[in-house]
Amino acid sequence: MKHKVIKKQHNSKTCIVCGLKNDGGLKASFYELDNGELVSVFTPLIKHQSYPGRLHGGVTGAILDETIGRAIMIKNDSIWGVTVELNVKYKKPIPLDQELRVVGRITKDSSRLFEGTGEIILQNGEVAATAWGKYMKMPIEKIAESFHDHEEWQMVLSDNDLKEIDI
């Protein structure tokens, strides 16, 4: 099903998941959709592998964690999710060198905590991994001092940015 992209979220310089200057990172992009979900788009490379040709399980957990944790920013982009608990279920091997989509959404929201779910979708539409997480809401100033530095956290737009996402 196609969904309209409402907004692209910022990228970091050095984050393992979204850092654009991290040579070992996933360089994931995050898009807020018209249905209230967040989708990350990334292409895992050989440096992210576990078994030959397969994405490492820890990297799988990291992209799910980041996507669910960022979903709270759809409501308020100055609040971040700090992971309290994350449960990942691995269902299918995740290949390398293919663009993948990760969907995250908020399922429960209170004043200090929120919960969310997410899944990694393979190119054929199958769900490769799912996750449930609980997060504490925190303003970025309490997490990292230099985060508002333009060099560290910025909106990076390109001609390749998606206007619609099929999930």
Protein backbone atom coordinates (compact mmCIF):
# COMPACT_ATOMS: atom_id res chain seq x y z
CA MET A 1 0.00 0.00 0.00
CA LYS A 2 1.35 3.43 -0.95
CA HIS A 3 1.58 6.22 1.61
CA LYS A 4 2.45 9.87 1.11
CA VAL A 5 5.62 11.16 2.75
CA ILE A 6 4.77 14.10 5.00
CA LYS A 7 8.28 14.91 6.21
CA LYS A 8 11.85 13.64 6.14
CA GLN A 9 13.62 13.51 9.50
CA HIS A 10 17.16 14.76 10.20
CA ASN A 11 20.30 12.66 9.99
CA SER A 12 23.25 12.63 12.35
CA LYS A 13 26.87 12.87 11.34
CA THR A 14 28.17 9.86 13.29
CA CYS A 15 25.25 7.68 14.46
CA ILE A 16 25.69 4.00 13.56
CA VAL A 17 22.17 3.94 12.10
CA CYS A 18 21.61 7.38 10.50
CA GLY A 19 25.10 8.90 10.47
CA LEU A 20 26.01 10.08 7.00
CA LYS A 21 29.73 10.43 7.83
CA ASN A 22 30.02 7.08 9.63
CA ASP A 23 31.78 4.73 7.22
CA GLY A 24 30.53 1.70 9.16
CA GLY A 25 26.96 2.96 9.53
CA LEU A 26 23.72 2.17 7.74
CA LYS A 27 23.11 5.75 6.55
CA ALA A 28 19.36 5.20 6.96
CA SER A 29 16.83 7.85 5.95
CA PHE A 30 13.62 8.33 7.95
CA TYR A 31 10.28 9.42 6.50
CA GLU A 32 7.08 10.38 8.35
CA LEU A 33 4.00 9.07 6.54
CA ASP A 34 0.43 10.26 6.19
CA ASN A 35 -0.79 7.28 8.27
CA GLY A 36 1.24 8.32 11.35
CA GLU A 37 3.96 5.70 10.87
CA LEU A 38 7.68 6.22 10.38
CA VAL A 39 9.61 4.37 7.68
CA SER A 40 13.35 4.04 7.49
CA VAL A 41 15.02 3.13 4.22
CA PHE A 42 18.51 1.64 4.11
CA THR A 43 20.69 -0.77 2.18
CA PRO A 44 22.81 -3.10 4.34
CA LEU A 45 26.31 -3.77 3.01
CA ILE A 46 28.85 -6.54 3.49
CA LYS A 47 30.35 -4.66 6.45
CA HIS A 48 26.99 -5.22 8.23
CA GLN A 49 26.94 -8.98 7.74
CA SER A 50 26.90 -11.85 10.18
CA TYR A 51 26.65 -15.12 8.27
CA PRO A 52 27.77 -14.69 4.66
CA GLY A 53 25.25 -12.59 2.75
CA ARG A 54 23.04 -11.98 5.82
CA LEU A 55 22.50 -8.90 7.99
CA HIS A 56 23.86 -9.23 11.53
CA GLY A 57 21.17 -9.69 14.19
CA GLY A 58 22.53 -6.83 16.29
CA VAL A 59 22.30 -4.48 13.32
CA THR A 60 18.74 -5.75 12.76
CA GLY A 61 17.92 -4.80 16.35
CA ALA A 62 19.61 -1.40 15.97
CA ILE A 63 17.58 -0.33 12.91
CA LEU A 64 14.33 -1.51 14.51
CA ASP A 65 15.20 0.28 17.77
CA GLU A 66 16.05 3.54 16.00
CA THR A 67 12.91 3.46 13.85
CA ILE A 68 10.52 2.78 16.74
CA GLY A 69 12.33 5.25 19.01
CA ARG A 70 12.16 8.02 16.39
CA ALA A 71 8.45 7.50 15.75
CA ILE A 72 7.64 9.69 18.76
CA MET A 73 9.21 12.63 16.87
CA ILE A 74 6.24 12.67 14.52
CA LYS A 75 4.23 14.28 17.35
CA ASN A 76 7.05 16.41 18.76
CA ASP A 77 10.44 16.66 17.06
CA SER A 78 12.16 17.91 20.22
CA ILE A 79 11.39 14.71 22.16
CA TRP A 80 13.43 11.55 21.67
CA GLY A 81 12.91 7.98 22.77
CA VAL A 82 15.59 6.49 25.02
CA THR A 83 15.33 2.71 24.98
CA VAL A 84 14.15 1.05 28.18
CA GLU A 85 13.38 -2.37 26.72
CA LEU A 86 13.54 -3.94 23.26
CA ASN A 87 12.33 -7.37 22.15
CA VAL A 88 13.25 -8.52 18.63
CA LYS A 89 11.90 -11.57 16.81
CA TYR A 90 13.88 -12.82 13.83
CA LYS A 91 11.68 -14.49 11.22
CA LYS A 92 13.65 -14.63 7.95
CA PRO A 93 17.24 -14.04 6.87
CA ILE A 94 17.82 -10.44 5.84
CA PRO A 95 19.90 -10.10 2.67
CA LEU A 96 22.63 -7.56 2.01
CA ASP A 97 22.89 -5.12 -0.90
CA GLN A 98 19.10 -4.64 -1.20
CA GLU A 99 17.14 -1.56 -0.22
CA LEU A 100 14.96 -2.42 2.77
CA ARG A 101 12.17 -0.67 4.62
CA VAL A 102 11.57 -0.60 8.36
CA VAL A 103 8.19 0.54 9.66
CA GLY A 104 7.77 1.90 13.18
CA ARG A 105 4.71 3.14 15.06
CA ILE A 106 3.64 4.22 18.54
CA THR A 107 1.19 1.82 20.20
CA LYS A 108 0.98 3.35 23.69
CA ASP A 109 1.83 6.89 24.79
CA SER A 110 1.89 8.36 28.31
CA SER A 111 3.49 11.47 29.76
CA ARG A 112 6.96 9.92 30.39
CA LEU A 113 7.01 6.65 28.44
CA PHE A 114 5.83 5.26 25.14
CA GLU A 115 5.72 1.86 23.50
CA GLY A 116 5.97 0.97 19.86
CA THR A 117 6.28 -1.82 17.35
CA GLY A 118 8.12 -2.21 14.10
CA GLU A 119 9.09 -4.60 11.36
CA ILE A 120 11.67 -4.98 8.62
CA ILE A 121 10.03 -5.56 5.25
CA LEU A 122 11.91 -7.42 2.52
CA GLN A 123 11.64 -6.36 -1.12
CA ASN A 124 9.13 -9.17 -1.76
CA GLY A 125 6.86 -7.80 1.01
CA GLU A 126 7.66 -10.48 3.59
CA VAL A 127 8.33 -9.49 7.19
CA ALA A 128 11.88 -10.49 8.14
CA ALA A 129 11.97 -9.28 11.76
CA THR A 130 9.63 -7.63 14.25
CA ALA A 131 10.21 -5.69 17.44
CA TRP A 132 8.40 -4.25 20.42
CA GLY A 133 10.00 -1.57 22.53
CA LYS A 134 9.44 0.66 25.54
CA TYR A 135 11.08 4.09 25.58
CA MET A 136 11.48 7.02 27.94
CA LYS A 137 10.68 10.44 26.46
CA MET A 138 13.59 12.82 26.75
CA PRO A 139 14.53 16.19 25.29
CA ILE A 140 17.71 15.97 23.23
CA GLU A 141 19.50 18.49 25.48
CA LYS A 142 19.43 15.91 28.29
CA ILE A 143 20.84 13.17 26.06
CA ALA A 144 23.67 14.92 24.23
CA GLU A 145 25.23 18.36 24.72
CA SER A 146 26.39 18.99 21.15
CA PHE A 147 23.39 17.61 19.34
CA HIS A 148 22.10 20.94 18.07
CA ASP A 149 25.42 21.61 16.39
CA HIS A 150 24.61 21.96 12.68
CA GLU A 151 27.50 19.64 11.86
CA GLU A 152 26.07 16.84 14.02
CA TRP A 153 22.33 16.98 13.27
CA GLN A 154 20.98 18.19 9.96
CA MET A 155 18.30 17.84 7.35
CA VAL A 156 19.81 16.36 4.23
CA LEU A 157 17.58 16.58 1.18
CA SER A 158 18.35 15.03 -2.18
CA ASP A 159 16.68 14.38 -5.51
CA ASN A 160 16.42 10.72 -4.45
CA ASP A 161 14.18 11.49 -1.46
CA LEU A 162 10.93 9.59 -1.58
CA LYS A 163 7.59 11.33 -2.06
CA GLU A 164 5.60 8.11 -1.60
CA ILE A 165 6.51 4.85 0.10
CA ASP A 166 5.04 1.48 -0.71
CA ILE A 167 4.82 -0.77 2.36
